[in-house]
PDB file of N, CA and C in Angstrom:
ATOM      1  N   MET A   1      85.323 114.665 103.166  1.00  0.00           N
ATOM      2  CA  MET A   1      84.376 113.622 102.770  1.00  0.00           C
ATOM      3  C   MET A   1      84.625 112.347 103.575  1.00  0.00           C
ATOM      4  N   GLU A   2      83.565 111.622 103.798  1.00  0.00           N
ATOM      5  CA  GLU A   2      83.641 110.378 104.557  1.00  0.00           C
ATOM      6  C   GLU A   2      84.140 109.242 103.666  1.00  0.00           C
ATOM      7  N   THR A   3      85.080 108.472 104.174  1.00  0.00           N
ATOM      8  CA  THR A   3      85.589 107.308 103.456  1.00  0.00           C
ATOM      9  C   THR A   3      84.901 106.062 103.987  1.00  0.00           C
ATOM     10  N   ARG A   4      84.350 105.262 103.068  1.00  0.00           N
ATOM     11  CA  ARG A   4      83.684 104.009 103.429  1.00  0.00           C
ATOM     12  C   ARG A   4      84.258 102.888 102.580  1.00  0.00           C
ATOM     13  N   THR A   5      83.860 101.655 102.900  1.00  0.00           N
ATOM     14  CA  THR A   5      84.321 100.524 102.104  1.00  0.00           C
ATOM     15  C   THR A   5      83.304 100.212 101.012  1.00  0.00           C
ATOM     16  N   LEU A   6      83.794  99.628  99.930  1.00  0.00           N
ATOM     17  CA  LEU A   6      82.985  99.416  98.729  1.00  0.00           C
ATOM     18  C   LEU A   6      81.755  98.543  98.966  1.00  0.00           C
ATOM     19  N   ASP A   7      81.795  97.679  99.966  1.00  0.00           N
ATOM     20  CA  ASP A   7      80.621  96.847 100.247  1.00  0.00           C
ATOM     21  C   ASP A   7      79.432  97.673 100.734  1.00  0.00           C
ATOM     22  N   GLN A   8      79.643  98.960 101.054  1.00  0.00           N
ATOM     23  CA  GLN A   8      78.579  99.837 101.540  1.00  0.00           C
ATOM     24  C   GLN A   8      78.012 100.753 100.460  1.00  0.00           C
ATOM     25  N   VAL A   9      78.535 100.677  99.243  1.00  0.00           N
ATOM     26  CA  VAL A   9      78.093 101.574  98.172  1.00  0.00           C
ATOM     27  C   VAL A   9      76.653 101.258  97.768  1.00  0.00           C
ATOM     28  N   LYS A  10      75.941 102.289  97.351  1.00  0.00           N
ATOM     29  CA  LYS A  10      74.563 102.114  96.900  1.00  0.00           C
ATOM     30  C   LYS A  10      74.507 102.141  95.374  1.00  0.00           C
ATOM     31  N   LYS A  11      73.613 101.346  94.828  1.00  0.00           N
ATOM     32  CA  LYS A  11      73.430 101.272  93.374  1.00  0.00           C
ATOM     33  C   LYS A  11      73.124 102.663  92.822  1.00  0.00           C
ATOM     34  N   GLY A  12      73.799 103.008  91.722  1.00  0.00           N
ATOM     35  CA  GLY A  12      73.569 104.283  91.062  1.00  0.00           C
ATOM     36  C   GLY A  12      74.472 105.410  91.526  1.00  0.00           C
ATOM     37  N   ASN A  13      75.273 105.182  92.559  1.00  0.00           N
ATOM     38  CA  ASN A  13      76.166 106.224  93.075  1.00  0.00           C
ATOM     39  C   ASN A  13      77.472 106.281  92.294  1.00  0.00           C
ATOM     40  N   PHE A  14      77.925 107.507  92.038  1.00  0.00           N
ATOM     41  CA  PHE A  14      79.262 107.727  91.496  1.00  0.00           C
ATOM     42  C   PHE A  14      80.207 107.879  92.677  1.00  0.00           C
ATOM     43  N   ILE A  15      81.348 107.195  92.616  1.00  0.00           N
ATOM     44  CA  ILE A  15      82.303 107.212  93.717  1.00  0.00           C
ATOM     45  C   ILE A  15      83.721 107.381  93.189  1.00  0.00           C
ATOM     46  N   THR A  16      84.629 107.732  94.093  1.00  0.00           N
ATOM     47  CA  THR A  16      86.054 107.794  93.783  1.00  0.00           C
ATOM     48  C   THR A  16      86.772 106.770  94.645  1.00  0.00           C
ATOM     49  N   ILE A  17      87.544 105.900  94.018  1.00  0.00           N
ATOM     50  CA  ILE A  17      88.317 104.892  94.736  1.00  0.00           C
ATOM     51  C   ILE A  17      89.459 105.604  95.463  1.00  0.00           C
ATOM     52  N   MET A  18      89.544 105.421  96.782  1.00  0.00           N
ATOM     53  CA  MET A  18      90.557 106.110  97.582  1.00  0.00           C
ATOM     54  C   MET A  18      91.695 105.196  98.025  1.00  0.00           C
ATOM     55  N   HIS A  19      91.398 103.913  98.230  1.00  0.00           N
ATOM     56  CA  HIS A  19      92.423 102.996  98.741  1.00  0.00           C
ATOM     57  C   HIS A  19      92.159 101.586  98.237  1.00  0.00           C
ATOM     58  N   LEU A  20      93.218 100.924  97.779  1.00  0.00           N
ATOM     59  CA  LEU A  20      93.159  99.518  97.381  1.00  0.00           C
ATOM     60  C   LEU A  20      94.017  98.712  98.342  1.00  0.00           C
ATOM     61  N   PRO A  21      93.660  97.435  98.586  1.00  0.00           N
ATOM     62  CA  PRO A  21      94.506  96.605  99.446  1.00  0.00           C
ATOM     63  C   PRO A  21      95.880  96.418  98.800  1.00  0.00           C
ATOM     64  N   SER A  22      96.893  96.234  99.617  1.00  0.00           N
ATOM     65  CA  SER A  22      98.252  96.109  99.078  1.00  0.00           C
ATOM     66  C   SER A  22      98.543  94.685  98.616  1.00  0.00           C
ATOM     67  N   GLY A  23      99.672  94.532  97.958  1.00  0.00           N
ATOM     68  CA  GLY A  23     100.116  93.214  97.522  1.00  0.00           C
ATOM     69  C   GLY A  23      99.607  92.830  96.149  1.00  0.00           C
ATOM     70  N   THR A  24      99.497  91.519  95.934  1.00  0.00           N
ATOM     71  CA  THR A  24      99.114  91.017  94.609  1.00  0.00           C
ATOM     72  C   THR A  24      97.693  91.409  94.231  1.00  0.00           C
ATOM     73  N   ILE A  25      96.823  91.589  95.213  1.00  0.00           N
ATOM     74  CA  ILE A  25      95.447  92.002  94.898  1.00  0.00           C
ATOM     75  C   ILE A  25      95.459  93.375  94.242  1.00  0.00           C
ATOM     76  N   LYS A  26      96.265  94.285  94.766  1.00  0.00           N
ATOM     77  CA  LYS A  26      96.361  95.625  94.184  1.00  0.00           C
ATOM     78  C   LYS A  26      96.875  95.553  92.748  1.00  0.00           C
ATOM     79  N   VAL A  27      97.878  94.723  92.523  1.00  0.00           N
ATOM     80  CA  VAL A  27      98.436  94.557  91.176  1.00  0.00           C
ATOM     81  C   VAL A  27      97.364  94.039  90.223  1.00  0.00           C
ATOM     82  N   GLN A  28      96.585  93.053  90.664  1.00  0.00           N
ATOM     83  CA  GLN A  28      95.530  92.493  89.817  1.00  0.00           C
ATOM     84  C   GLN A  28      94.449  93.527  89.516  1.00  0.00           C
ATOM     85  N   LEU A  29      94.067  94.333  90.505  1.00  0.00           N
ATOM     86  CA  LEU A  29      93.061  95.374  90.275  1.00  0.00           C
ATOM     87  C   LEU A  29      93.569  96.409  89.279  1.00  0.00           C
ATOM     88  N   ILE A  30      94.815  96.814  89.414  1.00  0.00           N
ATOM     89  CA  ILE A  30      95.391  97.774  88.471  1.00  0.00           C
ATOM     90  C   ILE A  30      95.430  97.177  87.068  1.00  0.00           C
ATOM     91  N   ARG A  31      95.742  95.886  86.963  1.00  0.00           N
ATOM     92  CA  ARG A  31      95.797  95.222  85.660  1.00  0.00           C
ATOM     93  C   ARG A  31      94.437  95.231  84.960  1.00  0.00           C
ATOM     94  N   ILE A  32      93.345  95.111  85.728  1.00  0.00           N
ATOM     95  CA  ILE A  32      92.016  95.133  85.092  1.00  0.00           C
ATOM     96  C   ILE A  32      91.443  96.544  84.991  1.00  0.00           C
ATOM     97  N   GLY A  33      92.228  97.541  85.401  1.00  0.00           N
ATOM     98  CA  GLY A  33      91.827  98.912  85.160  1.00  0.00           C
ATOM     99  C   GLY A  33      91.305  99.687  86.348  1.00  0.00           C
ATOM    100  N   ILE A  34      91.469  99.173  87.561  1.00  0.00           N
ATOM    101  CA  ILE A  34      91.009  99.898  88.747  1.00  0.00           C
ATOM    102  C   ILE A  34      92.226 100.382  89.520  1.00  0.00           C
ATOM    103  N   SER A  35      92.279 101.690  89.765  1.00  0.00           N
ATOM    104  CA  SER A  35      93.379 102.222  90.563  1.00  0.00           C
ATOM    105  C   SER A  35      92.857 103.335  91.466  1.00  0.00           C
ATOM    106  N   GLU A  36      93.658 103.713  92.435  1.00  0.00           N
ATOM    107  CA  GLU A  36      93.267 104.761  93.364  1.00  0.00           C
ATOM    108  C   GLU A  36      93.075 106.071  92.610  1.00  0.00           C
ATOM    109  N   GLY A  37      92.005 106.791  92.948  1.00  0.00           N
ATOM    110  CA  GLY A  37      91.683 108.045  92.279  1.00  0.00           C
ATOM    111  C   GLY A  37      90.682 107.900  91.148  1.00  0.00           C
ATOM    112  N   ASP A  38      90.379 106.674  90.751  1.00  0.00           N
ATOM    113  CA  ASP A  38      89.412 106.444  89.668  1.00  0.00           C
ATOM    114  C   ASP A  38      87.999 106.818  90.105  1.00  0.00           C
ATOM    115  N   LYS A  39      87.264 107.409  89.180  1.00  0.00           N
ATOM    116  CA  LYS A  39      85.849 107.702  89.406  1.00  0.00           C
ATOM    117  C   LYS A  39      85.041 106.624  88.692  1.00  0.00           C
ATOM    118  N   VAL A  40      84.170 105.937  89.437  1.00  0.00           N
ATOM    119  CA  VAL A  40      83.403 104.821  88.893  1.00  0.00           C
ATOM    120  C   VAL A  40      81.942 104.937  89.319  1.00  0.00           C
ATOM    121  N   LEU A  41      81.095 104.165  88.656  1.00  0.00           N
ATOM    122  CA  LEU A  41      79.663 104.107  88.953  1.00  0.00           C
ATOM    123  C   LEU A  41      79.326 102.726  89.488  1.00  0.00           C
ATOM    124  N   CYS A  42      78.532 102.671  90.552  1.00  0.00           N
ATOM    125  CA  CYS A  42      78.033 101.383  91.044  1.00  0.00           C
ATOM    126  C   CYS A  42      76.811 101.018  90.213  1.00  0.00           C
ATOM    127  N   LEU A  43      76.957 100.018  89.358  1.00  0.00           N
ATOM    128  CA  LEU A  43      75.856  99.597  88.488  1.00  0.00           C
ATOM    129  C   LEU A  43      74.867  98.692  89.192  1.00  0.00           C
ATOM    130  N   GLU A  44      75.384  97.802  90.032  1.00  0.00           N
ATOM    131  CA  GLU A  44      74.511  96.763  90.603  1.00  0.00           C
ATOM    132  C   GLU A  44      75.096  96.226  91.892  1.00  0.00           C
ATOM    133  N   ARG A  45      74.202  95.793  92.765  1.00  0.00           N
ATOM    134  CA  ARG A  45      74.571  95.040  93.972  1.00  0.00           C
ATOM    135  C   ARG A  45      73.882  93.693  93.845  1.00  0.00           C
ATOM    136  N   LEU A  46      74.658  92.647  93.688  1.00  0.00           N
ATOM    137  CA  LEU A  46      74.106  91.317  93.452  1.00  0.00           C
ATOM    138  C   LEU A  46      73.959  90.540  94.757  1.00  0.00           C
ATOM    139  N   PRO A  47      73.095  89.515  94.758  1.00  0.00           N
ATOM    140  CA  PRO A  47      72.972  88.664  95.950  1.00  0.00           C
ATOM    141  C   PRO A  47      74.333  88.071  96.317  1.00  0.00           C
ATOM    142  N   GLY A  48      74.584  87.966  97.594  1.00  0.00           N
ATOM    143  CA  GLY A  48      75.869  87.449  98.051  1.00  0.00           C
ATOM    144  C   GLY A  48      76.895  88.543  98.268  1.00  0.00           C
ATOM    145  N   GLY A  49      76.551  89.789  97.942  1.00  0.00           N
ATOM    146  CA  GLY A  49      77.431  90.913  98.213  1.00  0.00           C
ATOM    147  C   GLY A  49      78.308  91.361  97.070  1.00  0.00           C
ATOM    148  N   THR A  50      78.213  90.724  95.912  1.00  0.00           N
ATOM    149  CA  THR A  50      79.023  91.140  94.764  1.00  0.00           C
ATOM    150  C   THR A  50      78.589  92.527  94.299  1.00  0.00           C
ATOM    151  N   ILE A  51      79.569  93.377  94.016  1.00  0.00           N
ATOM    152  CA  ILE A  51      79.329  94.740  93.550  1.00  0.00           C
ATOM    153  C   ILE A  51      79.794  94.828  92.098  1.00  0.00           C
ATOM    154  N   VAL A  52      78.954  95.382  91.221  1.00  0.00           N
ATOM    155  CA  VAL A  52      79.343  95.596  89.824  1.00  0.00           C
ATOM    156  C   VAL A  52      79.546  97.090  89.637  1.00  0.00           C
ATOM    157  N   ILE A  53      80.777  97.464  89.252  1.00  0.00           N
ATOM    158  CA  ILE A  53      81.074  98.869  89.005  1.00  0.00           C
ATOM    159  C   ILE A  53      81.367  99.073  87.525  1.00  0.00           C
ATOM    160  N   GLN A  54      81.223 100.318  87.085  1.00  0.00           N
ATOM    161  CA  GLN A  54      81.515 100.658  85.693  1.00  0.00           C
ATOM    162  C   GLN A  54      82.541 101.780  85.670  1.00  0.00           C
ATOM    163  N   LYS A  55      83.599 101.546  84.903  1.00  0.00           N
ATOM    164  CA  LYS A  55      84.607 102.571  84.653  1.00  0.00           C
ATOM    165  C   LYS A  55      84.684 102.735  83.148  1.00  0.00           C
ATOM    166  N   ASN A  56      84.379 103.938  82.687  1.00  0.00           N
ATOM    167  CA  ASN A  56      84.237 104.186  81.256  1.00  0.00           C
ATOM    168  C   ASN A  56      83.189 103.214  80.718  1.00  0.00           C
ATOM    169  N   ARG A  57      83.523 102.346  79.793  1.00  0.00           N
ATOM    170  CA  ARG A  57      82.540 101.382  79.264  1.00  0.00           C
ATOM    171  C   ARG A  57      82.770  99.971  79.785  1.00  0.00           C
ATOM    172  N   GLN A  58      83.669  99.817  80.720  1.00  0.00           N
ATOM    173  CA  GLN A  58      84.010  98.503  81.256  1.00  0.00           C
ATOM    174  C   GLN A  58      83.230  98.237  82.543  1.00  0.00           C
ATOM    175  N   GLU A  59      82.608  97.059  82.624  1.00  0.00           N
ATOM    176  CA  GLU A  59      81.905  96.641  83.830  1.00  0.00           C
ATOM    177  C   GLU A  59      82.761  95.606  84.551  1.00  0.00           C
ATOM    178  N   ILE A  60      82.926  95.798  85.862  1.00  0.00           N
ATOM    179  CA  ILE A  60      83.798  94.939  86.657  1.00  0.00           C
ATOM    180  C   ILE A  60      83.033  94.464  87.885  1.00  0.00           C
ATOM    181  N   ALA A  61      82.987  93.143  88.088  1.00  0.00           N
ATOM    182  CA  ALA A  61      82.338  92.567  89.268  1.00  0.00           C
ATOM    183  C   ALA A  61      83.395  92.340  90.345  1.00  0.00           C
ATOM    184  N   ILE A  62      83.079  92.782  91.554  1.00  0.00           N
ATOM    185  CA  ILE A  62      83.997  92.648  92.683  1.00  0.00           C
ATOM    186  C   ILE A  62      83.279  91.897  93.792  1.00  0.00           C
ATOM    187  N   GLY A  63      83.878  90.811  94.249  1.00  0.00           N
ATOM    188  CA  GLY A  63      83.292  89.998  95.310  1.00  0.00           C
ATOM    189  C   GLY A  63      83.238  90.732  96.644  1.00  0.00           C
ATOM    190  N   TYR A  64      82.373  90.253  97.521  1.00  0.00           N
ATOM    191  CA  TYR A  64      82.132  90.897  98.812  1.00  0.00           C
ATOM    192  C   TYR A  64      83.406  91.035  99.651  1.00  0.00           C
ATOM    193  N   ASP A  65      84.189  89.967  99.757  1.00  0.00           N
ATOM    194  CA  ASP A  65      85.394  90.016 100.591  1.00  0.00           C
ATOM    195  C   ASP A  65      86.382  91.070 100.105  1.00  0.00           C
ATOM    196  N   LEU A  66      86.548  91.176  98.796  1.00  0.00           N
ATOM    197  CA  LEU A  66      87.439  92.189  98.241  1.00  0.00           C
ATOM    198  C   LEU A  66      86.833  93.583  98.397  1.00  0.00           C
ATOM    199  N   ALA A  67      85.528  93.706  98.186  1.00  0.00           N
ATOM    200  CA  ALA A  67      84.852  95.000  98.312  1.00  0.00           C
ATOM    201  C   ALA A  67      85.034  95.589  99.713  1.00  0.00           C
ATOM    202  N   ARG A  68      85.109  94.742 100.717  1.00  0.00           N
ATOM    203  CA  ARG A  68      85.297  95.212 102.098  1.00  0.00           C
ATOM    204  C   ARG A  68      86.677  95.815 102.323  1.00  0.00           C
ATOM    205  N   GLN A  69      87.611  95.578 101.399  1.00  0.00           N
ATOM    206  CA  GLN A  69      88.983  96.086 101.541  1.00  0.00           C
ATOM    207  C   GLN A  69      89.251  97.332 100.698  1.00  0.00           C
ATOM    208  N   ILE A  70      88.298  97.717  99.846  1.00  0.00           N
ATOM    209  CA  ILE A  70      88.464  98.871  98.961  1.00  0.00           C
ATOM    210  C   ILE A  70      87.709 100.053  99.562  1.00  0.00           C
ATOM    211  N   LYS A  71      88.414 101.177  99.732  1.00  0.00           N
ATOM    212  CA  LYS A  71      87.787 102.361 100.331  1.00  0.00           C
ATOM    213  C   LYS A  71      87.457 103.380  99.248  1.00  0.00           C
ATOM    214  N   PHE A  72      86.350 104.113  99.462  1.00  0.00           N
ATOM    215  CA  PHE A  72      85.905 105.107  98.490  1.00  0.00           C
ATOM    216  C   PHE A  72      85.293 106.309  99.191  1.00  0.00           C
ATOM    217  N   THR A  73      85.135 107.390  98.424  1.00  0.00           N
ATOM    218  CA  THR A  73      84.325 108.526  98.854  1.00  0.00           C
ATOM    219  C   THR A  73      83.246 108.730  97.808  1.00  0.00           C
ATOM    220  N   ALA A  74      82.072 109.164  98.259  1.00  0.00           N
ATOM    221  CA  ALA A  74      80.946 109.397  97.347  1.00  0.00           C
ATOM    222  C   ALA A  74      81.017 110.811  96.781  1.00  0.00           C
ATOM    223  N   HIS A  75      80.372 111.009  95.647  1.00  0.00           N
ATOM    224  CA  HIS A  75      80.321 112.344  95.021  1.00  0.00           C
ATOM    225  C   HIS A  75      79.074 113.054  95.468  1.00  0.00           C
TER     226      HIS A  75
END
């Protein structure tokens, strides 16, 4: 499967998170419930590049700069 960055995801697609940036950003993402291997849904793409994903019943907004550092594969 092709690995792309989260800023390229399309609304309505189910994806699997393959890679998170290292360091404190990774720790913060894990703290809010996002980790490598998670299957999530892209709920929305907002103006300015913000991506809203859903994991279980939790909705998480990710800014464009961070989304460019998160890699995923599509289902």
